[in-house]
Amino acid sequence: MAKADPLLFNPRTYDPAHFDPETRRLLRATVDWFEERGKRRLIEDYRSRAWLADFLAFAGKEGLFATFLTPAADGDGHADKRWDTARIAALNEILGFYGLDYWYAWQVTILGLGPVWQSENAAARTRAAELLDQGEVFAFGLSEKTHGADIYSTDMLLTPDGEGGFRATGSKYYIGNGNAAGLVSVFGRRTDIEGPDGYVFFAADSRHPAYHLVKNVVDSSKFVSEFRLADYPVRAEDVLHTGRAAFDAALNTVNVGKFNLCTASIGICEHAMYEAVTHAHNRILYGRPVTAFPHVRRELTDAYVRLVGMKLFSDRAVDYFRSAGPDDRRYLLFNPMTKMKVTTEGEKVVDLMWDVIAAKGFEKDNYFGQAAVEIRSLPKLEGTVHVNLALILKFLRNHLLEPAGYEPVPTRLDAADDAFLFRQGPARGLGSIRFHDWRTAFDAYAHLPNVGRLREQADALCAFVTTAAPDEAQSRDLDLLLSVGQLFALVVHGQLILEQARLTELDEDVLDELCAVLVRDFSAHAVELHGKDSATEAQQRWALGAVRRPVVDEGRSARVWERVEALSGAYEMAP
């Protein structure tokens, strides 16, 4: 049997021993459920768009969602119930590995719970905890067909009923689990109050007669619903938030939920990589294995190190998420980074492998064809790449140029409840958030040649901000700004990768090979900036001056290739 790579998830060898016994049992039980079910059934249910009733029955029987998604304060003394981002991330990866439909039902349950766990409505919180214990799923009724997720423009209207409640009428669109949710957190506005003071978040039941399920708006096992409320009775005990607190609950829920996209993307890439490397290494072309060709080795090696980088960044971001508080909101940068950067890296990983396996990627008996479709969706959920890049740009100057003193954040795998995520407070003040010095992570690996090259580019970006930053007119040119955002994102990406590499004593060959890829990426984005219509002469000169060639080391590349080659036959899902 091939030796398992310790950097990648492998169901054959998976043992999450770093978690408490119940978490370990539930994660392993989930893996075993999928493996016992087998690849044929997995693929057939994907192709036939079957609803996930059997998976949800398993999750309900095991208490999976109830254990992982009930905060300790609402767990009625249950020792294993808590909101623990580290183990939530682990389950994201497993569900992504077997199919995004399974992950999606879990993900939109998380979103649906967000407004509830942020609410001071004790009755609603108790009801949600009971529904979780019963194995129910949840939904997040925010977006609408006409307005998308533009919460300033909601047409879900609530008319006061004179008894402390409302009658709600309106439609929601693109709402996951809307066909089956025991509780749907619905965002709307009152008809008697103008402006943000009229916002309301309330709890609805998809089984109520006034809740009309229109259709599934996607061709998938994921039930992404359109539903309509027609004079739906909203009792006082159903109201979760009113006024500006409802607006904050919407944004803060997305803060919690979009973090899950990165680890789902990782799981998809891992499963696809086992298939791709195994196929390529065992296919003979012109008398040689496909993996004997230099371009194939480069593409598969690039895919592998990019995937490792995705995992390193996401694992380290977990630590900042879990250590967040009113005086440390650095997670508000690292969160859109996981959503935007890690998921787009996932697309690159799959594309690189698909270039190698070519037509094999279309075959109906493989997981890869499913992965190639599903990996596209994650950059487009919970805000587009462009929306999250624009958000990241808000932190650029403070992060690059004005570091503040913080105690180092440790690895956070402890069995603690991440209670702050449900009391994040007002969704504003991003410009005041400060960060620790990014240079420290780079300095720790200054002896690695490609870390040094990436550091040169990061220093160059600091010079750009101080000497050639976009002027007032350019600050309205989002096309140009997004190129700057991509350059900044690479610095942040590299920083957390290097921090996690230090904490986990990552093989330095793998790290330097990964940084060679990031140096190429930075150069490519610099050239893109150079070509922008509105780039000034100074910006054009800077862009070409920031281009660097990675340091080539054939021995290092060969050693990393050996790790990739060893993935051949390391895992095949049970038939």
Protein backbone atom coordinates (compact mmCIF):
# COMPACT_ATOMS: atom_id res chain seq x y z
CA MET A 1 0.00 0.00 0.00
CA ALA A 2 1.26 3.49 -0.85
CA LYS A 3 2.38 5.59 2.07
CA ALA A 4 -0.08 8.30 3.07
CA ASP A 5 0.97 11.93 2.71
CA PRO A 6 0.62 13.55 6.15
CA LEU A 7 -0.30 16.89 4.54
CA LEU A 8 -3.43 15.60 2.80
CA PHE A 9 -6.66 14.09 4.12
CA ASN A 10 -6.80 10.36 3.40
CA PRO A 11 -9.83 8.38 4.61
CA ARG A 12 -7.74 5.22 4.84
CA THR A 13 -5.52 6.68 7.55
CA TYR A 14 -7.59 9.54 8.98
CA ASP A 15 -7.49 9.77 12.76
CA PRO A 16 -8.22 13.24 14.17
CA ALA A 17 -6.49 12.43 17.45
CA HIS A 18 -5.94 16.13 18.19
CA PHE A 19 -9.65 16.47 19.02
CA ASP A 20 -11.62 15.28 22.05
CA PRO A 21 -13.06 11.72 21.93
CA GLU A 22 -16.60 12.63 20.83
CA THR A 23 -15.41 14.95 18.07
CA ARG A 24 -12.99 12.26 16.94
CA ARG A 25 -15.79 9.68 16.92
CA LEU A 26 -18.18 11.86 14.92
CA LEU A 27 -15.61 12.84 12.30
CA ARG A 28 -14.49 9.24 11.84
CA ALA A 29 -18.12 8.02 11.76
CA THR A 30 -18.85 10.50 8.97
CA VAL A 31 -15.91 9.23 6.92
CA ASP A 32 -16.96 5.63 7.51
CA TRP A 33 -20.56 6.37 6.46
CA PHE A 34 -19.41 7.67 3.09
CA GLU A 35 -16.87 4.90 2.57
CA GLU A 36 -19.42 2.18 3.38
CA ARG A 37 -21.87 3.82 1.01
CA GLY A 38 -19.36 3.65 -1.80
CA LYS A 39 -18.37 5.55 -4.90
CA ARG A 40 -21.07 4.22 -7.23
CA ARG A 41 -23.86 5.41 -4.96
CA LEU A 42 -22.13 8.72 -4.33
CA ILE A 43 -21.83 9.46 -8.05
CA GLU A 44 -25.30 8.14 -8.93
CA ASP A 45 -26.98 10.35 -6.32
CA TYR A 46 -25.03 13.31 -7.69
CA ARG A 47 -26.11 12.52 -11.25
CA SER A 48 -29.77 11.88 -10.33
CA ARG A 49 -30.02 14.98 -8.10
CA ALA A 50 -31.33 12.91 -5.19
CA TRP A 51 -32.23 14.83 -2.02
CA LEU A 52 -29.87 14.07 0.85
CA ALA A 53 -32.38 12.36 3.12
CA ASP A 54 -30.10 9.42 3.94
CA PHE A 55 -27.17 11.64 4.89
CA LEU A 56 -29.37 13.88 7.02
CA ALA A 57 -30.84 10.79 8.71
CA PHE A 58 -27.31 9.64 9.54
CA ALA A 59 -26.36 13.09 10.84
CA GLY A 60 -29.51 13.25 12.95
CA LYS A 61 -29.02 9.76 14.39
CA GLU A 62 -25.43 10.56 15.37
CA GLY A 63 -26.26 14.05 16.64
CA LEU A 64 -23.63 15.46 14.28
CA PHE A 65 -25.15 18.88 13.57
CA ALA A 66 -26.53 19.21 17.10
CA THR A 67 -23.13 18.55 18.67
CA PHE A 68 -21.10 20.73 16.32
CA LEU A 69 -23.52 23.64 15.84
CA THR A 70 -25.02 24.25 19.29
CA PRO A 71 -23.09 26.85 21.31
CA ALA A 72 -22.21 25.73 24.82
CA ALA A 73 -24.60 28.31 26.29
CA ASP A 74 -27.51 26.64 24.49
CA GLY A 75 -26.36 23.04 24.95
CA ASP A 76 -28.33 22.36 28.14
CA GLY A 77 -25.17 21.21 29.89
CA HIS A 78 -24.20 18.71 27.17
CA ALA A 79 -20.44 18.34 27.59
CA ASP A 80 -19.65 17.99 23.86
CA LYS A 81 -21.87 20.72 22.42
CA ARG A 82 -20.00 23.88 21.46
CA TRP A 83 -19.32 26.11 18.45
CA ASP A 84 -15.73 25.12 17.72
CA THR A 85 -14.36 26.51 14.45
CA ALA A 86 -11.49 24.00 14.33
CA ARG A 87 -13.74 20.96 14.24
CA ILE A 88 -16.27 22.70 11.99
CA ALA A 89 -13.39 23.24 9.53
CA ALA A 90 -12.47 19.56 9.76
CA LEU A 91 -16.03 18.52 8.88
CA ASN A 92 -16.12 21.03 6.00
CA GLU A 93 -13.09 19.29 4.51
CA ILE A 94 -14.61 15.82 4.86
CA LEU A 95 -17.95 16.83 3.34
CA GLY A 96 -16.23 18.66 0.50
CA PHE A 97 -14.13 15.55 -0.14
CA TYR A 98 -17.24 13.43 -0.75
CA GLY A 99 -19.48 15.97 -2.44
CA LEU A 100 -20.43 19.62 -2.20
CA ASP A 101 -24.14 18.79 -1.94
CA TYR A 102 -23.56 17.29 1.52
CA TRP A 103 -21.46 20.24 2.57
CA TYR A 104 -24.05 22.69 1.27
CA ALA A 105 -26.88 21.32 3.43
CA TRP A 106 -24.58 21.72 6.44
CA GLN A 107 -23.32 25.15 5.34
CA VAL A 108 -26.74 26.75 4.92
CA THR A 109 -27.75 25.27 8.28
CA ILE A 110 -24.84 27.24 9.75
CA LEU A 111 -26.07 30.39 8.02
CA GLY A 112 -29.61 29.83 9.21
CA LEU A 113 -28.42 29.46 12.79
CA GLY A 114 -26.35 32.66 12.70
CA PRO A 115 -29.18 35.13 13.39
CA VAL A 116 -30.62 32.80 16.03
CA TRP A 117 -27.45 32.40 18.06
CA GLN A 118 -26.89 36.18 17.86
CA SER A 119 -30.40 36.85 19.14
CA GLU A 120 -31.44 37.64 22.69
CA ASN A 121 -34.70 35.77 22.05
CA ALA A 122 -34.34 32.89 24.51
CA ALA A 123 -37.42 31.08 23.22
CA ALA A 124 -36.10 31.06 19.66
CA ARG A 125 -32.70 29.83 20.82
CA THR A 126 -34.29 27.00 22.80
CA ARG A 127 -36.42 26.06 19.82
CA ALA A 128 -33.36 26.00 17.54
CA ALA A 129 -31.46 23.75 19.93
CA GLU A 130 -34.42 21.37 20.09
CA LEU A 131 -34.70 21.29 16.29
CA LEU A 132 -31.00 20.45 16.01
CA ASP A 133 -31.48 17.61 18.48
CA GLN A 134 -34.31 16.34 16.26
CA GLY A 135 -31.98 16.27 13.25
CA GLU A 136 -33.54 19.23 11.46
CA VAL A 137 -31.72 21.50 9.01
CA PHE A 138 -31.93 25.30 8.82
CA ALA A 139 -32.01 27.99 6.12
CA PHE A 140 -30.92 31.62 5.74
CA GLY A 141 -33.61 33.70 4.01
CA LEU A 142 -31.63 36.75 2.94
CA SER A 143 -31.31 37.00 -0.85
CA GLU A 144 -34.07 37.87 -3.31
CA LYS A 145 -34.52 37.33 -7.03
CA THR A 146 -34.47 41.02 -7.94
CA HIS A 147 -31.97 42.36 -5.44
CA GLY A 148 -29.69 39.41 -4.70
CA ALA A 149 -28.18 39.85 -1.24
CA ASP A 150 -28.62 43.64 -1.29
CA ILE A 151 -30.17 43.91 2.14
CA TYR A 152 -30.86 47.63 1.68
CA SER A 153 -33.51 46.75 -0.90
CA THR A 154 -35.49 43.85 0.58
CA ASP A 155 -39.07 43.39 -0.57
CA MET A 156 -40.04 41.00 2.23
CA LEU A 157 -42.62 43.22 3.95
CA LEU A 158 -43.87 42.89 7.51
CA THR A 159 -47.11 44.60 8.47
CA PRO A 160 -47.79 45.00 12.23
CA ASP A 161 -50.75 42.91 13.36
CA GLY A 162 -51.59 45.05 16.39
CA GLU A 163 -50.73 42.24 18.81
CA GLY A 164 -46.96 42.61 18.94
CA GLY A 165 -46.38 40.54 15.82
CA PHE A 166 -46.53 40.94 12.04
CA ARG A 167 -47.91 39.45 8.87
CA ALA A 168 -45.11 38.80 6.39
CA THR A 169 -45.48 38.78 2.62
CA GLY A 170 -42.75 38.47 0.02
CA SER A 171 -40.36 36.13 -1.78
CA LYS A 172 -36.85 34.87 -1.19
CA TYR A 173 -34.63 33.35 -3.83
CA TYR A 174 -31.55 31.13 -3.79
CA ILE A 175 -32.21 29.86 -0.27
CA GLY A 176 -30.52 26.55 0.52
CA ASN A 177 -32.54 23.95 2.46
CA GLY A 178 -35.66 26.04 1.86
CA ASN A 179 -37.54 22.82 1.07
CA ALA A 180 -36.96 21.15 4.41
CA ALA A 181 -35.77 23.63 7.05
CA GLY A 182 -37.34 23.39 10.47
CA LEU A 183 -36.39 27.04 10.94
CA VAL A 184 -35.69 29.67 8.27
CA SER A 185 -34.11 32.93 9.45
CA VAL A 186 -35.82 35.50 7.20
CA PHE A 187 -34.74 39.10 6.65
CA GLY A 188 -37.38 41.72 5.90
CA ARG A 189 -38.54 45.25 6.66
CA ARG A 190 -41.55 46.76 8.38
CA THR A 191 -44.11 48.69 6.37
CA ASP A 192 -44.62 51.29 9.11
CA ILE A 193 -40.98 52.36 9.69
CA GLU A 194 -38.62 53.81 7.07
CA GLY A 195 -34.90 53.26 6.90
CA PRO A 196 -32.66 50.83 8.78
CA ASP A 197 -34.76 51.01 11.96
CA GLY A 198 -37.42 49.04 10.09
CA TYR A 199 -35.32 45.92 9.45
CA VAL A 200 -36.48 42.65 11.02
CA PHE A 201 -35.02 39.16 11.21
CA PHE A 202 -37.62 36.54 12.09
CA ALA A 203 -37.93 32.76 12.29
CA ALA A 204 -40.24 30.96 9.85
CA ASP A 205 -41.12 27.28 9.43
CA SER A 206 -40.99 25.79 5.93
CA ARG A 207 -43.89 23.46 6.85
CA HIS A 208 -46.32 26.30 7.67
CA PRO A 209 -49.32 26.60 5.29
CA ALA A 210 -48.43 30.25 4.54
CA TYR A 211 -44.94 29.21 3.43
CA HIS A 212 -45.06 28.34 -0.27
CA LEU A 213 -42.16 26.45 -1.82
CA VAL A 214 -41.91 27.54 -5.45
CA LYS A 215 -39.04 25.48 -6.86
CA ASN A 216 -35.43 24.39 -6.71
CA VAL A 217 -33.62 27.05 -8.74
CA VAL A 218 -30.59 24.83 -9.53
CA ASP A 219 -30.30 21.42 -11.20
CA SER A 220 -28.71 19.69 -8.25
CA SER A 221 -29.21 17.63 -5.10
CA LYS A 222 -28.67 20.92 -3.33
CA PHE A 223 -32.16 22.30 -2.85
CA VAL A 224 -31.57 26.00 -3.48
CA SER A 225 -35.09 27.21 -3.16
CA GLU A 226 -37.37 29.98 -4.16
CA PHE A 227 -40.08 30.39 -1.54
CA ARG A 228 -42.89 32.83 -0.97
CA LEU A 229 -44.58 33.93 2.24
CA ALA A 230 -48.22 34.95 1.87
CA ASP A 231 -49.62 36.71 4.94
CA TYR A 232 -47.33 34.57 7.11
CA PRO A 233 -48.03 35.11 10.85
CA VAL A 234 -44.87 36.29 12.65
CA ARG A 235 -45.46 36.08 16.38
CA ALA A 236 -43.53 38.22 18.86
CA GLU A 237 -41.61 35.11 19.91
CA ASP A 238 -40.52 34.58 16.29
CA VAL A 239 -38.71 37.94 16.06
CA LEU A 240 -34.93 37.51 16.25
CA HIS A 241 -33.67 41.06 15.63
CA THR A 242 -35.08 44.48 14.80
CA GLY A 243 -33.58 47.66 13.41
CA ARG A 244 -29.84 48.03 12.92
CA ALA A 245 -29.24 44.87 14.94
CA ALA A 246 -30.94 42.92 12.15
CA PHE A 247 -28.61 44.49 9.60
CA ASP A 248 -25.56 43.61 11.74
CA ALA A 249 -26.84 40.07 12.25
CA ALA A 250 -27.01 39.58 8.49
CA LEU A 251 -23.41 40.69 7.90
CA ASN A 252 -22.01 38.93 10.95
CA THR A 253 -23.73 35.69 9.97
CA VAL A 254 -22.01 35.86 6.59
CA ASN A 255 -18.73 36.50 8.42
CA VAL A 256 -19.19 33.18 10.18
CA GLY A 257 -20.55 31.26 7.22
CA LYS A 258 -18.20 32.24 4.45
CA PHE A 259 -15.22 30.95 6.39
CA ASN A 260 -16.44 27.43 5.62
CA LEU A 261 -15.87 27.72 1.88
CA CYS A 262 -12.09 27.37 2.05
CA THR A 263 -12.01 23.97 3.73
CA ALA A 264 -14.76 22.61 1.48
CA SER A 265 -12.61 23.63 -1.48
CA ILE A 266 -9.64 21.83 0.06
CA GLY A 267 -11.62 18.60 0.41
CA ILE A 268 -12.72 18.71 -3.23
CA CYS A 269 -9.14 19.23 -4.42
CA GLU A 270 -7.76 16.41 -2.27
CA HIS A 271 -10.15 13.78 -3.64
CA ALA A 272 -9.59 14.98 -7.20
CA MET A 273 -5.82 14.88 -6.72
CA TYR A 274 -5.77 11.23 -5.69
CA GLU A 275 -7.69 10.34 -8.85
CA ALA A 276 -5.64 12.56 -11.13
CA VAL A 277 -2.18 11.47 -9.97
CA THR A 278 -3.16 7.79 -9.92
CA HIS A 279 -4.53 8.00 -13.46
CA ALA A 280 -1.58 9.98 -14.88
CA HIS A 281 1.06 7.80 -13.23
CA ASN A 282 -0.47 4.59 -14.54
CA ARG A 283 -1.20 5.76 -18.08
CA ILE A 284 1.48 4.87 -20.64
CA LEU A 285 2.00 7.26 -23.53
CA TYR A 286 4.72 6.77 -26.14
CA GLY A 287 6.13 3.98 -24.02
CA ARG A 288 6.43 6.09 -20.86
CA PRO A 289 4.17 6.95 -17.92
CA VAL A 290 2.47 10.29 -18.47
CA THR A 291 4.20 11.52 -15.32
CA ALA A 292 7.59 11.14 -17.00
CA PHE A 293 6.92 14.26 -19.09
CA PRO A 294 8.41 17.46 -17.60
CA HIS A 295 5.34 19.63 -18.19
CA VAL A 296 3.14 17.05 -16.45
CA ARG A 297 5.45 16.95 -13.44
CA ARG A 298 5.44 20.73 -13.24
CA GLU A 299 1.65 20.97 -13.43
CA LEU A 300 1.01 18.26 -10.84
CA THR A 301 3.71 19.66 -8.55
CA ASP A 302 2.24 23.14 -8.82
CA ALA A 303 -1.20 21.72 -8.04
CA TYR A 304 0.16 19.88 -5.02
CA VAL A 305 2.00 22.83 -3.47
CA ARG A 306 -0.93 25.16 -4.13
CA LEU A 307 -3.17 22.70 -2.31
CA VAL A 308 -0.73 22.52 0.59
CA GLY A 309 -0.76 26.33 0.68
CA MET A 310 -4.56 26.34 0.81
CA LYS A 311 -4.46 24.05 3.83
CA LEU A 312 -1.73 25.99 5.63
CA PHE A 313 -3.49 29.32 5.18
CA SER A 314 -6.89 27.99 6.24
CA ASP A 315 -5.54 26.16 9.29
CA ARG A 316 -3.77 29.29 10.48
CA ALA A 317 -6.83 31.47 9.81
CA VAL A 318 -8.78 29.20 12.18
CA ASP A 319 -6.49 30.33 15.00
CA TYR A 320 -7.24 34.03 14.41
CA PHE A 321 -10.96 33.31 14.09
CA ARG A 322 -11.00 31.47 17.41
CA SER A 323 -8.84 34.03 19.20
CA ALA A 324 -10.89 37.02 18.02
CA GLY A 325 -12.48 39.50 20.39
CA PRO A 326 -13.56 43.15 20.59
CA ASP A 327 -9.90 44.23 20.63
CA ASP A 328 -8.67 41.77 18.01
CA ARG A 329 -10.67 41.71 14.80
CA ARG A 330 -7.88 40.61 12.47
CA TYR A 331 -10.15 37.74 11.39
CA LEU A 332 -12.11 40.27 9.32
CA LEU A 333 -9.21 40.33 6.86
CA PHE A 334 -8.29 36.66 7.02
CA ASN A 335 -11.95 35.64 6.58
CA PRO A 336 -12.53 37.17 3.10
CA MET A 337 -9.05 35.88 2.24
CA THR A 338 -10.18 32.30 2.90
CA LYS A 339 -13.34 32.95 0.92
CA MET A 340 -11.64 34.63 -2.04
CA LYS A 341 -8.04 33.47 -2.22
CA VAL A 342 -8.28 29.86 -1.06
CA THR A 343 -11.29 29.06 -3.23
CA THR A 344 -9.72 30.57 -6.37
CA GLU A 345 -6.57 28.60 -5.62
CA GLY A 346 -8.82 25.54 -5.61
CA GLU A 347 -9.92 26.36 -9.16
CA LYS A 348 -6.27 26.57 -10.23
CA VAL A 349 -5.47 23.24 -8.58
CA VAL A 350 -8.27 21.45 -10.43
CA ASP A 351 -7.43 23.16 -13.72
CA LEU A 352 -3.78 22.09 -13.48
CA MET A 353 -4.77 18.48 -12.86
CA TRP A 354 -7.41 18.57 -15.60
CA ASP A 355 -4.80 19.73 -18.10
CA VAL A 356 -2.92 16.52 -17.30
CA ILE A 357 -5.74 13.97 -17.27
CA ALA A 358 -7.66 15.66 -20.10
CA ALA A 359 -10.61 13.55 -21.33
CA LYS A 360 -10.45 11.33 -18.25
CA GLY A 361 -11.91 14.26 -16.33
CA PHE A 362 -15.21 13.89 -18.18
CA GLU A 363 -15.79 10.21 -17.43
CA LYS A 364 -18.97 9.46 -15.51
CA ASP A 365 -17.47 6.87 -13.15
CA ASN A 366 -14.93 9.26 -11.65
CA TYR A 367 -15.22 11.82 -8.89
CA PHE A 368 -13.12 14.28 -10.90
CA GLY A 369 -15.92 15.37 -13.24
CA GLN A 370 -18.01 16.31 -10.22
CA ALA A 371 -15.06 18.13 -8.64
CA ALA A 372 -14.43 20.12 -11.83
CA VAL A 373 -17.98 21.48 -11.66
CA GLU A 374 -18.25 21.98 -7.91
CA ILE A 375 -14.92 23.75 -7.43
CA ARG A 376 -16.29 26.59 -9.60
CA SER A 377 -19.15 27.36 -7.24
CA LEU A 378 -17.20 28.19 -4.07
CA PRO A 379 -15.59 31.45 -5.29
CA LYS A 380 -19.07 32.58 -6.29
CA LEU A 381 -20.91 31.91 -3.01
CA GLU A 382 -21.16 34.29 0.00
CA GLY A 383 -20.05 37.25 -2.12
CA THR A 384 -18.15 37.19 -5.39
CA VAL A 385 -14.37 37.26 -5.64
CA HIS A 386 -14.64 40.94 -6.58
CA VAL A 387 -16.74 41.81 -3.53
CA ASN A 388 -14.28 40.11 -1.21
CA LEU A 389 -11.26 41.65 -2.94
CA ALA A 390 -12.81 45.08 -2.46
CA LEU A 391 -13.30 44.24 1.22
CA ILE A 392 -9.68 43.09 1.56
CA LEU A 393 -8.47 46.41 0.14
CA LYS A 394 -9.92 48.24 3.15
CA PHE A 395 -7.15 46.71 5.26
CA LEU A 396 -4.22 47.25 2.88
CA ARG A 397 -2.53 50.30 4.40
CA ASN A 398 -2.89 49.27 8.04
CA HIS A 399 -1.67 45.75 7.33
CA LEU A 400 1.34 46.65 5.20
CA LEU A 401 2.53 49.88 6.78
CA GLU A 402 1.22 50.30 10.32
CA PRO A 403 1.73 47.12 12.36
CA ALA A 404 0.63 47.01 15.98
CA GLY A 405 1.84 44.93 18.90
CA TYR A 406 0.02 41.66 19.57
CA GLU A 407 0.92 38.60 21.56
CA PRO A 408 1.49 35.65 19.20
CA VAL A 409 -1.68 33.66 18.53
CA PRO A 410 -1.17 29.95 19.30
CA THR A 411 -2.55 26.97 17.41
CA ARG A 412 -6.18 26.69 18.52
CA LEU A 413 -7.31 23.07 18.54
CA ASP A 414 -8.59 23.24 22.12
CA ALA A 415 -12.15 22.19 22.94
CA ALA A 416 -13.39 25.75 23.49
CA ASP A 417 -16.61 27.51 22.54
CA ASP A 418 -16.10 30.33 20.03
CA ALA A 419 -18.72 32.52 21.67
CA PHE A 420 -17.43 35.83 20.29
CA LEU A 421 -18.60 34.94 16.79
CA PHE A 422 -22.18 35.51 17.96
CA ARG A 423 -21.46 38.84 19.64
CA GLN A 424 -19.30 40.49 17.00
CA GLY A 425 -21.12 43.80 17.47
CA PRO A 426 -21.75 46.49 14.85
CA ALA A 427 -20.51 45.64 11.35
CA ARG A 428 -18.38 48.75 10.92
CA GLY A 429 -15.04 50.27 11.89
CA LEU A 430 -12.92 48.17 9.53
CA GLY A 431 -10.49 51.03 8.90
CA SER A 432 -9.43 51.05 12.54
CA ILE A 433 -8.39 47.39 12.68
CA ARG A 434 -4.66 46.89 13.18
CA PHE A 435 -2.46 43.87 12.44
CA HIS A 436 0.77 42.34 13.65
CA ASP A 437 3.91 42.79 11.57
CA TRP A 438 3.75 40.58 8.48
CA ARG A 439 7.52 40.73 8.09
CA THR A 440 8.11 38.49 11.10
CA ALA A 441 6.73 35.44 9.28
CA PHE A 442 8.97 36.13 6.27
CA ASP A 443 12.05 36.75 8.43
CA ALA A 444 11.75 33.28 9.96
CA TYR A 445 12.38 31.74 6.54
CA ALA A 446 14.77 34.31 5.10
CA HIS A 447 17.22 31.50 4.32
CA LEU A 448 14.86 30.02 1.70
CA PRO A 449 15.53 31.65 -1.68
CA ASN A 450 11.93 31.93 -2.89
CA VAL A 451 10.71 33.26 0.44
CA GLY A 452 13.34 35.94 -0.09
CA ARG A 453 12.03 36.69 -3.59
CA LEU A 454 8.45 36.91 -2.34
CA ARG A 455 9.63 39.23 0.45
CA GLU A 456 11.22 41.51 -2.16
CA GLN A 457 7.88 41.73 -3.92
CA ALA A 458 6.03 42.40 -0.66
CA ASP A 459 8.46 45.20 0.16
CA ALA A 460 7.91 46.56 -3.34
CA LEU A 461 4.16 46.64 -2.71
CA CYS A 462 4.77 48.73 0.41
CA ALA A 463 6.75 51.15 -1.75
CA PHE A 464 3.89 51.23 -4.24
CA VAL A 465 1.44 52.23 -1.52
CA THR A 466 3.68 55.08 -0.35
CA THR A 467 4.92 56.39 -3.74
CA ALA A 468 2.50 55.34 -6.49
CA ALA A 469 -0.83 54.61 -4.82
CA PRO A 470 -4.01 55.20 -6.85
CA ASP A 471 -5.10 58.83 -6.80
CA GLU A 472 -8.63 60.05 -6.13
CA ALA A 473 -9.81 59.39 -9.68
CA GLN A 474 -8.24 55.93 -9.77
CA SER A 475 -9.82 55.07 -6.44
CA ARG A 476 -13.12 54.92 -8.35
CA ASP A 477 -11.64 52.55 -10.96
CA LEU A 478 -12.50 49.20 -9.43
CA ASP A 479 -10.85 47.35 -12.31
CA LEU A 480 -7.45 48.81 -11.41
CA LEU A 481 -8.02 48.49 -7.68
CA LEU A 482 -8.80 44.79 -7.95
CA SER A 483 -5.36 44.20 -9.50
CA VAL A 484 -3.82 45.93 -6.49
CA GLY A 485 -6.02 43.76 -4.28
CA GLN A 486 -4.65 40.59 -5.88
CA LEU A 487 -1.09 41.72 -5.12
CA PHE A 488 -2.00 42.49 -1.51
CA ALA A 489 -3.81 39.18 -1.15
CA LEU A 490 -0.61 37.34 -2.12
CA VAL A 491 1.30 39.03 0.71
CA VAL A 492 -1.36 38.05 3.26
CA HIS A 493 -1.59 34.55 1.78
CA GLY A 494 2.16 34.13 2.06
CA GLN A 495 2.23 35.48 5.61
CA LEU A 496 -0.20 32.98 7.10
CA ILE A 497 1.31 30.12 5.10
CA LEU A 498 4.71 30.94 6.57
CA GLU A 499 3.27 31.24 10.09
CA GLN A 500 1.62 27.83 9.82
CA ALA A 501 4.71 26.31 8.23
CA ARG A 502 6.69 27.38 11.30
CA LEU A 503 4.11 26.00 13.71
CA THR A 504 3.92 22.63 11.93
CA GLU A 505 7.61 22.33 10.93
CA LEU A 506 6.67 21.98 7.28
CA ASP A 507 9.21 20.38 4.97
CA GLU A 508 11.24 23.33 3.64
CA ASP A 509 11.44 21.87 0.14
CA VAL A 510 7.65 22.00 -0.09
CA LEU A 511 7.55 25.52 1.33
CA ASP A 512 10.16 26.92 -1.05
CA GLU A 513 8.53 25.22 -4.04
CA LEU A 514 5.22 26.77 -3.00
CA CYS A 515 6.79 30.22 -2.67
CA ALA A 516 8.24 29.85 -6.17
CA VAL A 517 4.66 29.53 -7.42
CA LEU A 518 3.59 32.59 -5.41
CA VAL A 519 6.48 34.63 -6.86
CA ARG A 520 5.25 33.76 -10.35
CA ASP A 521 1.71 34.73 -9.34
CA PHE A 522 2.85 38.11 -8.00
CA SER A 523 4.75 38.80 -11.21
CA ALA A 524 1.70 37.90 -13.29
CA HIS A 525 -0.56 40.27 -11.33
CA ALA A 526 2.07 43.02 -11.58
CA VAL A 527 2.09 42.64 -15.38
CA GLU A 528 -1.71 42.75 -15.34
CA LEU A 529 -1.58 46.03 -13.39
CA HIS A 530 0.92 47.38 -15.92
CA GLY A 531 -1.62 46.84 -18.68
CA LYS A 532 -4.57 48.53 -17.01
CA ASP A 533 -6.00 51.44 -19.00
CA SER A 534 -5.72 53.94 -16.17
CA ALA A 535 -2.28 52.89 -14.82
CA THR A 536 0.03 55.91 -14.59
CA GLU A 537 3.58 55.89 -15.92
CA ALA A 538 4.89 55.60 -12.36
CA GLN A 539 2.60 52.64 -11.70
CA GLN A 540 3.67 51.00 -14.96
CA ARG A 541 7.35 51.36 -14.04
CA TRP A 542 6.66 49.98 -10.59
CA ALA A 543 4.77 47.01 -11.99
CA LEU A 544 7.58 45.89 -14.28
CA GLY A 545 10.11 46.51 -11.52
CA ALA A 546 8.19 44.14 -9.22
CA VAL A 547 8.53 41.18 -11.58
CA ARG A 548 10.83 38.47 -10.20
CA ARG A 549 12.01 35.12 -11.48
CA PRO A 550 11.71 32.31 -8.90
CA VAL A 551 14.93 30.62 -7.82
CA VAL A 552 15.20 27.27 -9.59
CA ASP A 553 16.55 24.24 -7.71
CA GLU A 554 16.26 20.98 -9.62
CA GLY A 555 17.04 18.89 -6.55
CA ARG A 556 14.30 20.57 -4.51
CA SER A 557 11.77 20.17 -7.31
CA ALA A 558 12.68 16.49 -7.70
CA ARG A 559 12.20 15.85 -3.99
CA VAL A 560 8.79 17.51 -4.01
CA TRP A 561 7.84 15.53 -7.09
CA GLU A 562 8.56 12.32 -5.17
CA ARG A 563 5.85 13.34 -2.71
CA VAL A 564 3.39 13.94 -5.55
CA GLU A 565 4.28 10.66 -7.26
CA ALA A 566 3.63 8.80 -4.01
CA LEU A 567 -0.04 9.87 -4.17
CA SER A 568 -0.56 7.34 -6.97
CA GLY A 569 -2.65 4.54 -5.47
CA ALA A 570 -2.63 6.14 -2.02
CA TYR A 571 -6.44 6.33 -1.96
CA GLU A 572 -9.34 5.03 -4.03
CA MET A 573 -12.87 5.31 -2.71
CA ALA A 574 -14.56 1.99 -2.00
CA PRO A 575 -16.74 0.98 -4.96
